[in-house]
């Protein structure tokens, strides 16, 4: 009874734990990458003083691609705005949702949302006079745009 577990059995146990550890580390790295992209895009919106034209939306999508967010249809995003008309200041708060996709072998894909908000973005132009077709989203209770209609 000295060797209750054989060498082959121990090899497979170690191999299984190494595979789980590598998978976990890959998932953490992917999540961290999308989180950094989300922070960069929040900064992009704040520094650009919001998104008010279709050219701004195109530039926003190109910026997402330049950070490596992937093909537009493969990785959807949702960008919402909440218009603030205060007594002394006017502007918008923007709400961004990016999605992390984890694909495991022999398992359905896992999709996790990563969300972020901007500070109040005050613009020199009137926010309501934009040429973007903002859609009222019941899920987020804000005016939103997305590259995937099933995420609104």
Protein backbone atom coordinates (compact mmCIF):
# COMPACT_ATOMS: atom_id res chain seq x y z
CA UNK A 1 0.00 0.00 0.00
CA UNK A 2 2.94 2.35 -0.41
CA UNK A 3 1.74 3.72 -3.73
CA UNK A 4 -2.02 4.19 -3.46
CA UNK A 5 -1.98 6.58 -6.45
CA UNK A 6 0.02 5.50 -9.47
CA UNK A 7 2.32 7.75 -11.49
CA UNK A 8 -0.12 8.01 -14.41
CA UNK A 9 -3.02 9.02 -12.18
CA UNK A 10 -0.91 11.69 -10.48
CA UNK A 11 0.26 12.98 -13.88
CA UNK A 12 -3.36 13.47 -15.05
CA UNK A 13 -4.34 15.23 -11.81
CA UNK A 14 -1.44 17.68 -12.14
CA UNK A 15 -2.19 18.20 -15.84
CA UNK A 16 -5.85 18.96 -15.05
CA UNK A 17 -4.95 21.57 -12.43
CA UNK A 18 -2.40 23.19 -14.75
CA UNK A 19 -5.04 23.43 -17.51
CA UNK A 20 -7.55 25.01 -15.10
CA UNK A 21 -4.92 27.51 -13.90
CA UNK A 22 -3.95 28.50 -17.45
CA UNK A 23 -7.61 28.95 -18.39
CA UNK A 24 -8.22 31.10 -15.35
CA UNK A 25 -5.20 33.29 -16.10
CA UNK A 26 -6.31 33.71 -19.73
CA UNK A 27 -9.78 34.80 -18.58
CA UNK A 28 -8.30 37.32 -16.13
CA UNK A 29 -6.03 38.75 -18.84
CA UNK A 30 -8.96 39.10 -21.28
CA UNK A 31 -11.12 40.80 -18.64
CA UNK A 32 -8.31 43.22 -17.75
CA UNK A 33 -7.77 44.08 -21.43
CA UNK A 34 -11.44 44.97 -21.98
CA UNK A 35 -11.45 46.96 -18.73
CA UNK A 36 -8.49 49.04 -19.95
CA UNK A 37 -10.26 49.60 -23.28
CA UNK A 38 -13.38 50.74 -21.42
CA UNK A 39 -11.35 53.27 -19.41
CA UNK A 40 -9.65 54.56 -22.56
CA UNK A 41 -13.00 55.00 -24.32
CA UNK A 42 -14.48 56.85 -21.33
CA UNK A 43 -11.49 59.22 -21.50
CA UNK A 44 -12.00 59.54 -25.27
CA UNK A 45 -15.63 60.60 -24.78
CA UNK A 46 -14.75 63.08 -22.02
CA UNK A 47 -11.85 64.65 -23.91
CA UNK A 48 -13.89 64.87 -27.12
CA UNK A 49 -16.73 66.57 -25.22
CA UNK A 50 -19.29 63.91 -25.94
CA UNK A 51 -20.70 62.29 -29.04
CA UNK A 52 -23.14 64.41 -31.00
CA UNK A 53 -22.73 63.54 -34.71
CA UNK A 54 -22.49 60.40 -36.79
CA UNK A 55 -18.85 61.32 -37.50
CA UNK A 56 -18.21 61.12 -33.75
CA UNK A 57 -19.79 57.64 -33.69
CA UNK A 58 -17.58 56.52 -36.60
CA UNK A 59 -14.49 57.89 -34.86
CA UNK A 60 -15.57 56.18 -31.63
CA UNK A 61 -15.86 52.79 -33.41
CA UNK A 62 -12.50 53.30 -35.14
CA UNK A 63 -10.94 54.11 -31.77
CA UNK A 64 -12.41 50.88 -30.36
CA UNK A 65 -10.87 48.93 -33.22
CA UNK A 66 -7.50 50.62 -32.74
CA UNK A 67 -7.43 49.43 -29.12
CA UNK A 68 -8.04 45.87 -30.31
CA UNK A 69 -11.65 45.46 -29.21
CA UNK A 70 -12.19 43.20 -32.21
CA UNK A 71 -14.51 43.14 -35.15
CA UNK A 72 -17.59 45.29 -34.62
CA UNK A 73 -20.11 42.45 -34.96
CA UNK A 74 -18.09 40.01 -32.85
CA UNK A 75 -17.83 42.33 -29.83
CA UNK A 76 -20.92 44.47 -29.39
CA UNK A 77 -21.01 47.69 -27.42
CA UNK A 78 -23.78 49.89 -26.04
CA UNK A 79 -23.32 53.63 -25.60
CA UNK A 80 -26.05 55.54 -23.77
CA UNK A 81 -26.48 59.16 -22.83
CA UNK A 82 -28.53 60.85 -20.15
CA UNK A 83 -29.17 64.51 -20.95
CA UNK A 84 -28.82 66.85 -17.98
CA UNK A 85 -30.54 70.23 -18.17
CA UNK A 86 -29.62 71.99 -14.97
CA UNK A 87 -30.28 75.57 -13.89
CA UNK A 88 -26.64 76.58 -14.42
CA UNK A 89 -25.12 73.82 -16.58
CA UNK A 90 -26.26 71.68 -19.51
CA UNK A 91 -24.61 68.51 -20.70
CA UNK A 92 -24.81 64.75 -20.80
CA UNK A 93 -23.66 61.77 -18.85
CA UNK A 94 -22.52 58.89 -21.04
CA UNK A 95 -22.83 55.23 -20.08
CA UNK A 96 -20.69 52.64 -21.90
CA UNK A 97 -21.10 48.86 -21.88
CA UNK A 98 -18.45 46.59 -23.42
CA UNK A 99 -18.69 42.80 -23.39
CA UNK A 100 -16.10 40.16 -22.58
CA UNK A 101 -16.59 36.81 -24.35
CA UNK A 102 -15.12 33.68 -22.81
CA UNK A 103 -15.30 30.58 -24.99
CA UNK A 104 -14.54 27.35 -23.17
CA UNK A 105 -14.28 24.00 -24.91
CA UNK A 106 -17.44 21.91 -24.62
CA UNK A 107 -19.31 24.72 -22.85
CA UNK A 108 -21.56 27.57 -23.93
CA UNK A 109 -19.88 30.96 -24.24
CA UNK A 110 -19.82 33.18 -21.18
CA UNK A 111 -20.53 36.87 -21.84
CA UNK A 112 -19.83 39.42 -19.09
CA UNK A 113 -20.66 43.13 -19.38
CA UNK A 114 -18.19 45.80 -18.27
CA UNK A 115 -19.82 49.17 -17.63
CA UNK A 116 -18.56 52.69 -17.07
CA UNK A 117 -19.90 56.23 -16.72
CA UNK A 118 -18.45 59.59 -17.66
CA UNK A 119 -18.50 62.74 -15.63
CA UNK A 120 -20.88 65.48 -16.77
CA UNK A 121 -19.78 66.37 -20.30
CA UNK A 122 -20.62 69.98 -21.03
CA UNK A 123 -20.60 70.94 -24.69
CA UNK A 124 -20.75 74.27 -26.44
CA UNK A 125 -23.48 73.03 -28.79
CA UNK A 126 -26.95 72.04 -27.75
CA UNK A 127 -27.07 68.28 -27.06
CA UNK A 128 -30.60 67.79 -28.39
CA UNK A 129 -29.57 69.02 -31.84
CA UNK A 130 -27.63 65.95 -32.89
CA UNK A 131 -27.97 63.90 -36.05
CA UNK A 132 -27.58 60.53 -34.27
CA UNK A 133 -30.62 58.29 -34.04
CA UNK A 134 -30.57 57.68 -30.27
CA UNK A 135 -32.98 54.87 -29.33
CA UNK A 136 -34.78 54.77 -26.00
CA UNK A 137 -33.58 51.56 -24.38
CA UNK A 138 -35.94 49.93 -21.87
CA UNK A 139 -33.05 47.88 -20.49
CA UNK A 140 -30.93 50.90 -19.56
CA UNK A 141 -33.72 53.56 -19.34
CA UNK A 142 -31.58 55.96 -21.38
CA UNK A 143 -31.13 57.01 -25.00
CA UNK A 144 -28.68 54.53 -26.51
CA UNK A 145 -26.87 53.50 -29.66
CA UNK A 146 -25.35 50.08 -30.29
CA UNK A 147 -23.79 48.04 -33.06
CA UNK A 148 -25.92 45.06 -31.97
CA UNK A 149 -29.71 45.46 -31.80
CA UNK A 150 -30.15 42.58 -29.35
CA UNK A 151 -28.07 44.39 -26.68
CA UNK A 152 -30.45 47.37 -26.39
